[in-house]
Amino acid sequence: YQVARSMASGEGFAVPAPEDERQAHGDWGTDGRFYAPYA
């Protein structure tokens, strides 16, 4: 849902970074934004 929301708003494919790093499902991109691990 967050990736779809980002695409709809024209922000690309990045999602909001998780507040707790231990619950992070994804990875940081080279641009410093957080990305989901799914296609």
PDB file of all heavy atoms in Angstrom:
ATOM      1  N   TYR A   1       0.835  -1.208   0.000  1.00  0.00           N
ATOM      2  CA  TYR A   1       0.000   0.000   0.000  1.00  0.00           C
ATOM      3  C   TYR A   1       0.868   1.255   0.000  1.00  0.00           C
ATOM      4  O   TYR A   1       0.589   2.200  -0.738  1.00  0.00           O
ATOM      5  CB  TYR A   1      -0.936   0.003   1.212  1.00  0.00           C
ATOM      6  CG  TYR A   1      -1.601   1.342   1.422  1.00  0.00           C
ATOM      7  CD1 TYR A   1      -2.668   1.726   0.624  1.00  0.00           C
ATOM      8  CD2 TYR A   1      -1.144   2.229   2.381  1.00  0.00           C
ATOM      9  CE1 TYR A   1      -3.266   2.958   0.784  1.00  0.00           C
ATOM     10  CE2 TYR A   1      -1.734   3.458   2.552  1.00  0.00           C
ATOM     11  CZ  TYR A   1      -2.796   3.825   1.756  1.00  0.00           C
ATOM     12  OH  TYR A   1      -3.387   5.045   1.915  1.00  0.00           O
ATOM     13  N   GLN A   2       1.919   1.290   0.820  1.00  0.00           N
ATOM     14  CA  GLN A   2       2.764   2.481   0.906  1.00  0.00           C
ATOM     15  C   GLN A   2       3.490   2.755  -0.410  1.00  0.00           C
ATOM     16  O   GLN A   2       3.641   3.918  -0.803  1.00  0.00           O
ATOM     17  CB  GLN A   2       3.766   2.336   2.047  1.00  0.00           C
ATOM     18  CG  GLN A   2       3.118   2.432   3.406  1.00  0.00           C
ATOM     19  CD  GLN A   2       4.083   2.145   4.537  1.00  0.00           C
ATOM     20  OE1 GLN A   2       5.223   1.740   4.317  1.00  0.00           O
ATOM     21  NE2 GLN A   2       3.625   2.349   5.755  1.00  0.00           N
ATOM     22  N   VAL A   3       3.919   1.703  -1.102  1.00  0.00           N
ATOM     23  CA  VAL A   3       4.557   1.898  -2.402  1.00  0.00           C
ATOM     24  C   VAL A   3       3.535   2.436  -3.407  1.00  0.00           C
ATOM     25  O   VAL A   3       3.821   3.360  -4.168  1.00  0.00           O
ATOM     26  CB  VAL A   3       5.211   0.597  -2.919  1.00  0.00           C
ATOM     27  CG1 VAL A   3       5.694   0.751  -4.355  1.00  0.00           C
ATOM     28  CG2 VAL A   3       6.368   0.191  -2.022  1.00  0.00           C
ATOM     29  N   ALA A   4       2.321   1.893  -3.393  1.00  0.00           N
ATOM     30  CA  ALA A   4       1.268   2.379  -4.292  1.00  0.00           C
ATOM     31  C   ALA A   4       0.946   3.845  -3.994  1.00  0.00           C
ATOM     32  O   ALA A   4       0.779   4.655  -4.905  1.00  0.00           O
ATOM     33  CB  ALA A   4       0.012   1.522  -4.162  1.00  0.00           C
ATOM     34  N   ARG A   5       0.885   4.194  -2.710  1.00  0.00           N
ATOM     35  CA  ARG A   5       0.605   5.581  -2.323  1.00  0.00           C
ATOM     36  C   ARG A   5       1.721   6.502  -2.800  1.00  0.00           C
ATOM     37  O   ARG A   5       1.457   7.593  -3.305  1.00  0.00           O
ATOM     38  CB  ARG A   5       0.457   5.675  -0.807  1.00  0.00           C
ATOM     39  CG  ARG A   5       0.058   7.064  -0.340  1.00  0.00           C
ATOM     40  CD  ARG A   5       0.082   7.150   1.137  1.00  0.00           C
ATOM     41  NE  ARG A   5       1.479   6.918   1.533  1.00  0.00           N
ATOM     42  CZ  ARG A   5       1.891   6.918   2.770  1.00  0.00           C
ATOM     43  NH1 ARG A   5       1.044   7.069   3.749  1.00  0.00           N
ATOM     44  NH2 ARG A   5       3.162   6.718   3.047  1.00  0.00           N
ATOM     45  N   SER A   6       2.967   6.064  -2.662  1.00  0.00           N
ATOM     46  CA  SER A   6       4.099   6.872  -3.127  1.00  0.00           C
ATOM     47  C   SER A   6       4.057   7.064  -4.636  1.00  0.00           C
ATOM     48  O   SER A   6       4.318   8.157  -5.137  1.00  0.00           O
ATOM     49  CB  SER A   6       5.424   6.213  -2.729  1.00  0.00           C
ATOM     50  OG  SER A   6       5.596   6.240  -1.346  1.00  0.00           O
ATOM     51  N   MET A   7       3.712   5.994  -5.366  1.00  0.00           N
ATOM     52  CA  MET A   7       3.621   6.109  -6.826  1.00  0.00           C
ATOM     53  C   MET A   7       2.485   7.049  -7.218  1.00  0.00           C
ATOM     54  O   MET A   7       2.633   7.863  -8.126  1.00  0.00           O
ATOM     55  CB  MET A   7       3.419   4.734  -7.466  1.00  0.00           C
ATOM     56  CG  MET A   7       4.653   3.881  -7.439  1.00  0.00           C
ATOM     57  SD  MET A   7       4.534   2.375  -8.440  1.00  0.00           S
ATOM     58  CE  MET A   7       3.281   1.464  -7.586  1.00  0.00           C
ATOM     59  N   ALA A   8       1.354   6.953  -6.544  1.00  0.00           N
ATOM     60  CA  ALA A   8       0.201   7.789  -6.875  1.00  0.00           C
ATOM     61  C   ALA A   8       0.481   9.265  -6.607  1.00  0.00           C
ATOM     62  O   ALA A   8      -0.015  10.130  -7.320  1.00  0.00           O
ATOM     63  CB  ALA A   8      -1.023   7.340  -6.087  1.00  0.00           C
ATOM     64  N   SER A   9       1.273   9.542  -5.599  1.00  0.00           N
ATOM     65  CA  SER A   9       1.562  10.937  -5.265  1.00  0.00           C
ATOM     66  C   SER A   9       2.768  11.487  -6.018  1.00  0.00           C
ATOM     67  O   SER A   9       3.128  12.647  -5.839  1.00  0.00           O
ATOM     68  CB  SER A   9       1.781  11.078  -3.755  1.00  0.00           C
ATOM     69  OG  SER A   9       2.920  10.346  -3.357  1.00  0.00           O
ATOM     70  N   GLY A  10       3.394  10.661  -6.860  1.00  0.00           N
ATOM     71  CA  GLY A  10       4.512  11.110  -7.671  1.00  0.00           C
ATOM     72  C   GLY A  10       5.834  11.152  -6.933  1.00  0.00           C
ATOM     73  O   GLY A  10       6.777  11.789  -7.384  1.00  0.00           O
ATOM     74  N   GLU A  11       5.931  10.457  -5.804  1.00  0.00           N
ATOM     75  CA  GLU A  11       7.160  10.462  -5.013  1.00  0.00           C
ATOM     76  C   GLU A  11       8.099   9.324  -5.373  1.00  0.00           C
ATOM     77  O   GLU A  11       9.123   9.149  -4.730  1.00  0.00           O
ATOM     78  CB  GLU A  11       6.808  10.376  -3.530  1.00  0.00           C
ATOM     79  CG  GLU A  11       6.002  11.551  -3.038  1.00  0.00           C
ATOM     80  CD  GLU A  11       5.555  11.390  -1.602  1.00  0.00           C
ATOM     81  OE1 GLU A  11       5.991  10.440  -0.930  1.00  0.00           O
ATOM     82  OE2 GLU A  11       4.757  12.220  -1.164  1.00  0.00           O
ATOM     83  N   GLY A  12       7.768   8.519  -6.347  1.00  0.00           N
ATOM     84  CA  GLY A  12       8.616   7.403  -6.728  1.00  0.00           C
ATOM     85  C   GLY A  12       8.208   6.129  -6.011  1.00  0.00           C
ATOM     86  O   GLY A  12       7.038   5.911  -5.729  1.00  0.00           O
ATOM     87  N   PHE A  13       9.201   5.305  -5.684  1.00  0.00           N
ATOM     88  CA  PHE A  13       8.925   3.990  -5.100  1.00  0.00           C
ATOM     89  C   PHE A  13       9.313   3.888  -3.628  1.00  0.00           C
ATOM     90  O   PHE A  13       9.152   2.857  -3.021  1.00  0.00           O
ATOM     91  CB  PHE A  13       9.673   2.910  -5.884  1.00  0.00           C
ATOM     92  CG  PHE A  13       9.407   2.964  -7.359  1.00  0.00           C
ATOM     93  CD1 PHE A  13      10.435   3.202  -8.254  1.00  0.00           C
ATOM     94  CD2 PHE A  13       8.127   2.798  -7.846  1.00  0.00           C
ATOM     95  CE1 PHE A  13      10.196   3.257  -9.613  1.00  0.00           C
ATOM     96  CE2 PHE A  13       7.876   2.849  -9.201  1.00  0.00           C
ATOM     97  CZ  PHE A  13       8.904   3.079 -10.085  1.00  0.00           C
ATOM     98  N   ALA A  14       9.852   4.946  -3.054  1.00  0.00           N
ATOM     99  CA  ALA A  14      10.290   4.919  -1.663  1.00  0.00           C
ATOM    100  C   ALA A  14       9.093   4.932  -0.719  1.00  0.00           C
ATOM    101  O   ALA A  14       8.027   5.433  -1.053  1.00  0.00           O
ATOM    102  CB  ALA A  14      11.191   6.107  -1.364  1.00  0.00           C
ATOM    103  N   VAL A  15       9.294   4.347   0.451  1.00  0.00           N
ATOM    104  CA  VAL A  15       8.251   4.305   1.488  1.00  0.00           C
ATOM    105  C   VAL A  15       8.785   5.013   2.725  1.00  0.00           C
ATOM    106  O   VAL A  15       9.996   5.208   2.865  1.00  0.00           O
ATOM    107  CB  VAL A  15       7.844   2.852   1.826  1.00  0.00           C
ATOM    108  CG1 VAL A  15       7.245   2.164   0.614  1.00  0.00           C
ATOM    109  CG2 VAL A  15       9.026   2.052   2.348  1.00  0.00           C
ATOM    110  N   PRO A  16       7.900   5.392   3.651  1.00  0.00           N
ATOM    111  CA  PRO A  16       8.393   6.006   4.884  1.00  0.00           C
ATOM    112  C   PRO A  16       9.299   5.044   5.653  1.00  0.00           C
ATOM    113  O   PRO A  16       9.011   3.853   5.751  1.00  0.00           O
ATOM    114  CB  PRO A  16       7.114   6.295   5.680  1.00  0.00           C
ATOM    115  CG  PRO A  16       6.029   6.332   4.665  1.00  0.00           C
ATOM    116  CD  PRO A  16       6.443   5.383   3.586  1.00  0.00           C
ATOM    117  N   ALA A  17      10.372   5.562   6.179  1.00  0.00           N
ATOM    118  CA  ALA A  17      11.308   4.728   6.934  1.00  0.00           C
ATOM    119  C   ALA A  17      10.668   4.285   8.245  1.00  0.00           C
ATOM    120  O   ALA A  17       9.923   5.043   8.858  1.00  0.00           O
ATOM    121  CB  ALA A  17      12.587   5.505   7.221  1.00  0.00           C
ATOM    122  N   PRO A  18      10.921   3.057   8.668  1.00  0.00           N
ATOM    123  CA  PRO A  18      10.357   2.589   9.932  1.00  0.00           C
ATOM    124  C   PRO A  18      10.993   3.328  11.107  1.00  0.00           C
ATOM    125  O   PRO A  18      12.163   3.707  11.053  1.00  0.00           O
ATOM    126  CB  PRO A  18      10.714   1.101   9.953  1.00  0.00           C
ATOM    127  CG  PRO A  18      11.900   0.989   9.065  1.00  0.00           C
ATOM    128  CD  PRO A  18      11.739   2.049   8.024  1.00  0.00           C
ATOM    129  N   GLU A  19      10.212   3.537  12.152  1.00  0.00           N
ATOM    130  CA  GLU A  19      10.736   4.222  13.326  1.00  0.00           C
ATOM    131  C   GLU A  19      11.708   3.336  14.098  1.00  0.00           C
ATOM    132  O   GLU A  19      12.661   3.815  14.686  1.00  0.00           O
ATOM    133  CB  GLU A  19       9.581   4.653  14.228  1.00  0.00           C
ATOM    134  CG  GLU A  19       8.695   5.695  13.583  1.00  0.00           C
ATOM    135  CD  GLU A  19       7.517   6.064  14.450  1.00  0.00           C
ATOM    136  OE1 GLU A  19       7.507   5.719  15.645  1.00  0.00           O
ATOM    137  OE2 GLU A  19       6.609   6.715  13.929  1.00  0.00           O
ATOM    138  N   ASP A  20      11.463   2.053  14.096  1.00  0.00           N
ATOM    139  CA  ASP A  20      12.304   1.106  14.808  1.00  0.00           C
ATOM    140  C   ASP A  20      13.085   0.284  13.785  1.00  0.00           C
ATOM    141  O   ASP A  20      12.492  -0.454  12.998  1.00  0.00           O
ATOM    142  CB  ASP A  20      11.443   0.195  15.685  1.00  0.00           C
ATOM    143  CG  ASP A  20      12.256  -0.751  16.545  1.00  0.00           C
ATOM    144  OD1 ASP A  20      13.500  -0.673  16.507  1.00  0.00           O
ATOM    145  OD2 ASP A  20      11.642  -1.559  17.252  1.00  0.00           O
ATOM    146  N   GLU A  21      14.396   0.422  13.775  1.00  0.00           N
ATOM    147  CA  GLU A  21      15.225  -0.284  12.797  1.00  0.00           C
ATOM    148  C   GLU A  21      15.089  -1.802  12.883  1.00  0.00           C
ATOM    149  O   GLU A  21      15.292  -2.505  11.915  1.00  0.00           O
ATOM    150  CB  GLU A  21      16.695   0.109  12.968  1.00  0.00           C
ATOM    151  CG  GLU A  21      17.004   1.495  12.473  1.00  0.00           C
ATOM    152  CD  GLU A  21      16.843   1.635  10.975  1.00  0.00           C
ATOM    153  OE1 GLU A  21      17.186   0.686  10.241  1.00  0.00           O
ATOM    154  OE2 GLU A  21      16.354   2.680  10.534  1.00  0.00           O
ATOM    155  N   ARG A  22      14.736  -2.322  14.055  1.00  0.00           N
ATOM    156  CA  ARG A  22      14.589  -3.770  14.209  1.00  0.00           C
ATOM    157  C   ARG A  22      13.374  -4.293  13.453  1.00  0.00           C
ATOM    158  O   ARG A  22      13.264  -5.474  13.184  1.00  0.00           O
ATOM    159  CB  ARG A  22      14.492  -4.137  15.689  1.00  0.00           C
ATOM    160  CG  ARG A  22      15.784  -3.873  16.445  1.00  0.00           C
ATOM    161  CD  ARG A  22      15.613  -4.105  17.905  1.00  0.00           C
ATOM    162  NE  ARG A  22      14.751  -3.020  18.399  1.00  0.00           N
ATOM    163  CZ  ARG A  22      14.108  -3.039  19.548  1.00  0.00           C
ATOM    164  NH1 ARG A  22      14.206  -4.070  20.337  1.00  0.00           N
ATOM    165  NH2 ARG A  22      13.363  -2.024  19.918  1.00  0.00           N
ATOM    166  N   GLN A  23      12.425  -3.409  13.138  1.00  0.00           N
ATOM    167  CA  GLN A  23      11.222  -3.816  12.420  1.00  0.00           C
ATOM    168  C   GLN A  23      11.287  -3.440  10.945  1.00  0.00           C
ATOM    169  O   GLN A  23      10.275  -3.422  10.269  1.00  0.00           O
ATOM    170  CB  GLN A  23       9.993  -3.190  13.069  1.00  0.00           C
ATOM    171  CG  GLN A  23       9.768  -3.648  14.481  1.00  0.00           C
ATOM    172  CD  GLN A  23       8.575  -2.962  15.117  1.00  0.00           C
ATOM    173  OE1 GLN A  23       7.971  -2.073  14.550  1.00  0.00           O
ATOM    174  NE2 GLN A  23       8.231  -3.393  16.303  1.00  0.00           N
ATOM    175  N   ALA A  24      12.470  -3.127  10.463  1.00  0.00           N
ATOM    176  CA  ALA A  24      12.627  -2.684   9.078  1.00  0.00           C
ATOM    177  C   ALA A  24      12.470  -3.859   8.117  1.00  0.00           C
ATOM    178  O   ALA A  24      13.190  -4.836   8.213  1.00  0.00           O
ATOM    179  CB  ALA A  24      13.983  -2.025   8.890  1.00  0.00           C
ATOM    180  N   HIS A  25      11.528  -3.741   7.213  1.00  0.00           N
ATOM    181  CA  HIS A  25      11.345  -4.713   6.133  1.00  0.00           C
ATOM    182  C   HIS A  25      11.651  -3.961   4.843  1.00  0.00           C
ATOM    183  O   HIS A  25      10.777  -3.351   4.250  1.00  0.00           O
ATOM    184  CB  HIS A  25       9.916  -5.259   6.107  1.00  0.00           C
ATOM    185  CG  HIS A  25       9.570  -6.061   7.312  1.00  0.00           C
ATOM    186  ND1 HIS A  25      10.044  -7.326   7.510  1.00  0.00           N
ATOM    187  CD2 HIS A  25       8.823  -5.765   8.387  1.00  0.00           C
ATOM    188  CE1 HIS A  25       9.589  -7.796   8.647  1.00  0.00           C
ATOM    189  NE2 HIS A  25       8.844  -6.864   9.207  1.00  0.00           N
ATOM    190  N   GLY A  26      12.878  -3.986   4.451  1.00  0.00           N
ATOM    191  CA  GLY A  26      13.297  -3.261   3.274  1.00  0.00           C
ATOM    192  C   GLY A  26      14.748  -2.865   3.417  1.00  0.00           C
ATOM    193  O   GLY A  26      15.480  -3.410   4.246  1.00  0.00           O
ATOM    194  N   ASP A  27      15.160  -1.884   2.631  1.00  0.00           N
ATOM    195  CA  ASP A  27      16.557  -1.484   2.660  1.00  0.00           C
ATOM    196  C   ASP A  27      16.678  -0.024   2.251  1.00  0.00           C
ATOM    197  O   ASP A  27      15.815   0.517   1.563  1.00  0.00           O
ATOM    198  CB  ASP A  27      17.368  -2.364   1.713  1.00  0.00           C
ATOM    199  CG  ASP A  27      18.811  -2.487   2.125  1.00  0.00           C
ATOM    200  OD1 ASP A  27      19.204  -1.872   3.141  1.00  0.00           O
ATOM    201  OD2 ASP A  27      19.551  -3.206   1.441  1.00  0.00           O
ATOM    202  N   TRP A  28      17.771   0.579   2.671  1.00  0.00           N
ATOM    203  CA  TRP A  28      18.054   1.956   2.314  1.00  0.00           C
ATOM    204  C   TRP A  28      18.682   2.003   0.926  1.00  0.00           C
ATOM    205  O   TRP A  28      19.550   1.215   0.599  1.00  0.00           O
ATOM    206  CB  TRP A  28      19.003   2.582   3.329  1.00  0.00           C
ATOM    207  CG  TRP A  28      18.376   2.693   4.680  1.00  0.00           C
ATOM    208  CD1 TRP A  28      18.491   1.818   5.713  1.00  0.00           C
ATOM    209  CD2 TRP A  28      17.499   3.717   5.112  1.00  0.00           C
ATOM    210  NE1 TRP A  28      17.736   2.249   6.782  1.00  0.00           N
ATOM    211  CE2 TRP A  28      17.115   3.411   6.444  1.00  0.00           C
ATOM    212  CE3 TRP A  28      16.984   4.863   4.520  1.00  0.00           C
ATOM    213  CZ2 TRP A  28      16.256   4.218   7.183  1.00  0.00           C
ATOM    214  CZ3 TRP A  28      16.130   5.665   5.262  1.00  0.00           C
ATOM    215  CH2 TRP A  28      15.779   5.341   6.566  1.00  0.00           C
ATOM    216  N   GLY A  29      18.226   2.943   0.111  1.00  0.00           N
ATOM    217  CA  GLY A  29      18.796   3.125  -1.212  1.00  0.00           C
ATOM    218  C   GLY A  29      20.007   4.026  -1.166  1.00  0.00           C
ATOM    219  O   GLY A  29      20.316   4.640  -0.140  1.00  0.00           O
ATOM    220  N   THR A  30      20.706   4.133  -2.286  1.00  0.00           N
ATOM    221  CA  THR A  30      21.883   4.993  -2.339  1.00  0.00           C
ATOM    222  C   THR A  30      21.512   6.467  -2.249  1.00  0.00           C
ATOM    223  O   THR A  30      22.356   7.308  -1.953  1.00  0.00           O
ATOM    224  CB  THR A  30      22.665   4.753  -3.653  1.00  0.00           C
ATOM    225  OG1 THR A  30      21.786   4.977  -4.757  1.00  0.00           O
ATOM    226  CG2 THR A  30      23.212   3.343  -3.710  1.00  0.00           C
ATOM    227  N   ASP A  31      20.225   6.771  -2.464  1.00  0.00           N
ATOM    228  CA  ASP A  31      19.753   8.149  -2.351  1.00  0.00           C
ATOM    229  C   ASP A  31      19.316   8.500  -0.935  1.00  0.00           C
ATOM    230  O   ASP A  31      18.819   9.592  -0.687  1.00  0.00           O
ATOM    231  CB  ASP A  31      18.612   8.403  -3.331  1.00  0.00           C
ATOM    232  CG  ASP A  31      17.428   7.480  -3.098  1.00  0.00           C
ATOM    233  OD1 ASP A  31      17.519   6.561  -2.259  1.00  0.00           O
ATOM    234  OD2 ASP A  31      16.396   7.676  -3.779  1.00  0.00           O
ATOM    235  N   GLY A  32      19.468   7.560   0.009  1.00  0.00           N
ATOM    236  CA  GLY A  32      19.110   7.818   1.394  1.00  0.00           C
ATOM    237  C   GLY A  32      17.645   7.587   1.719  1.00  0.00           C
ATOM    238  O   GLY A  32      17.203   7.848   2.831  1.00  0.00           O
ATOM    239  N   ARG A  33      16.877   7.087   0.765  1.00  0.00           N
ATOM    240  CA  ARG A  33      15.459   6.809   0.990  1.00  0.00           C
ATOM    241  C   ARG A  33      15.282   5.319   1.266  1.00  0.00           C
ATOM    242  O   ARG A  33      16.112   4.499   0.905  1.00  0.00           O
ATOM    243  CB  ARG A  33      14.650   7.245  -0.233  1.00  0.00           C
ATOM    244  CG  ARG A  33      14.761   8.754  -0.467  1.00  0.00           C
ATOM    245  CD  ARG A  33      14.198   9.188  -1.784  1.00  0.00           C
ATOM    246  NE  ARG A  33      12.754   8.982  -1.791  1.00  0.00           N
ATOM    247  CZ  ARG A  33      12.013   9.086  -2.891  1.00  0.00           C
ATOM    248  NH1 ARG A  33      12.563   9.371  -4.042  1.00  0.00           N
ATOM    249  NH2 ARG A  33      10.726   8.890  -2.830  1.00  0.00           N
ATOM    250  N   PHE A  34      14.159   4.970   1.910  1.00  0.00           N
ATOM    251  CA  PHE A  34      13.886   3.585   2.287  1.00  0.00           C
ATOM    252  C   PHE A  34      12.989   2.931   1.245  1.00  0.00           C
ATOM    253  O   PHE A  34      12.012   3.538   0.796  1.00  0.00           O
ATOM    254  CB  PHE A  34      13.214   3.546   3.663  1.00  0.00           C
ATOM    255  CG  PHE A  34      13.174   2.184   4.273  1.00  0.00           C
ATOM    256  CD1 PHE A  34      14.311   1.628   4.826  1.00  0.00           C
ATOM    257  CD2 PHE A  34      12.013   1.456   4.298  1.00  0.00           C
ATOM    258  CE1 PHE A  34      14.299   0.373   5.395  1.00  0.00           C
ATOM    259  CE2 PHE A  34      11.970   0.192   4.863  1.00  0.00           C
ATOM    260  CZ  PHE A  34      13.114  -0.348   5.409  1.00  0.00           C
ATOM    261  N   TYR A  35      13.300   1.693   0.856  1.00  0.00           N
ATOM    262  CA  TYR A  35      12.558   0.989  -0.184  1.00  0.00           C
ATOM    263  C   TYR A  35      12.079  -0.364   0.323  1.00  0.00           C
ATOM    264  O   TYR A  35      12.775  -1.040   1.075  1.00  0.00           O
ATOM    265  CB  TYR A  35      13.430   0.789  -1.427  1.00  0.00           C
ATOM    266  CG  TYR A  35      13.752   2.077  -2.125  1.00  0.00           C
ATOM    267  CD1 TYR A  35      14.889   2.811  -1.792  1.00  0.00           C
ATOM    268  CD2 TYR A  35      12.901   2.580  -3.093  1.00  0.00           C
ATOM    269  CE1 TYR A  35      15.173   4.009  -2.413  1.00  0.00           C
ATOM    270  CE2 TYR A  35      13.180   3.783  -3.716  1.00  0.00           C
ATOM    271  CZ  TYR A  35      14.311   4.492  -3.378  1.00  0.00           C
ATOM    272  OH  TYR A  35      14.578   5.681  -3.997  1.00  0.00           O
ATOM    273  N   ALA A  36      10.887  -0.748  -0.106  1.00  0.00           N
ATOM    274  CA  ALA A  36      10.336  -2.054   0.240  1.00  0.00           C
ATOM    275  C   ALA A  36      11.093  -3.142  -0.524  1.00  0.00           C
ATOM    276  O   ALA A  36      11.607  -2.894  -1.614  1.00  0.00           O
ATOM    277  CB  ALA A  36       8.851  -2.110  -0.116  1.00  0.00           C
ATOM    278  N   PRO A  37      11.146  -4.365   0.021  1.00  0.00           N
ATOM    279  CA  PRO A  37      11.920  -5.426  -0.621  1.00  0.00           C
ATOM    280  C   PRO A  37      11.175  -6.179  -1.723  1.00  0.00           C
ATOM    281  O   PRO A  37      11.627  -7.219  -2.162  1.00  0.00           O
ATOM    282  CB  PRO A  37      12.219  -6.372   0.551  1.00  0.00           C
ATOM    283  CG  PRO A  37      11.034  -6.236   1.424  1.00  0.00           C
ATOM    284  CD  PRO A  37      10.641  -4.784   1.329  1.00  0.00           C
ATOM    285  N   TYR A  38      10.048  -5.660  -2.174  1.00  0.00           N
ATOM    286  CA  TYR A  38       9.219  -6.401  -3.131  1.00  0.00           C
ATOM    287  C   TYR A  38       9.280  -5.762  -4.506  1.00  0.00           C
ATOM    288  O   TYR A  38       9.526  -4.573  -4.656  1.00  0.00           O
ATOM    289  CB  TYR A  38       7.764  -6.431  -2.656  1.00  0.00           C
ATOM    290  CG  TYR A  38       7.639  -6.865  -1.232  1.00  0.00           C
ATOM    291  CD1 TYR A  38       7.250  -5.976  -0.251  1.00  0.00           C
ATOM    292  CD2 TYR A  38       7.943  -8.166  -0.861  1.00  0.00           C
ATOM    293  CE1 TYR A  38       7.162  -6.366   1.069  1.00  0.00           C
ATOM    294  CE2 TYR A  38       7.855  -8.573   0.458  1.00  0.00           C
ATOM    295  CZ  TYR A  38       7.461  -7.666   1.416  1.00  0.00           C
ATOM    296  OH  TYR A  38       7.388  -8.058   2.714  1.00  0.00           O
ATOM    297  N   ALA A  39       8.987  -6.561  -5.509  1.00  0.00           N
ATOM    298  CA  ALA A  39       8.868  -6.038  -6.872  1.00  0.00           C
ATOM    299  C   ALA A  39       7.620  -5.162  -6.952  1.00  0.00           C
ATOM    300  O   ALA A  39       6.791  -5.144  -6.043  1.00  0.00           O
ATOM    301  CB  ALA A  39       8.788  -7.191  -7.864  1.00  0.00           C
TER     302      ALA A  39
END
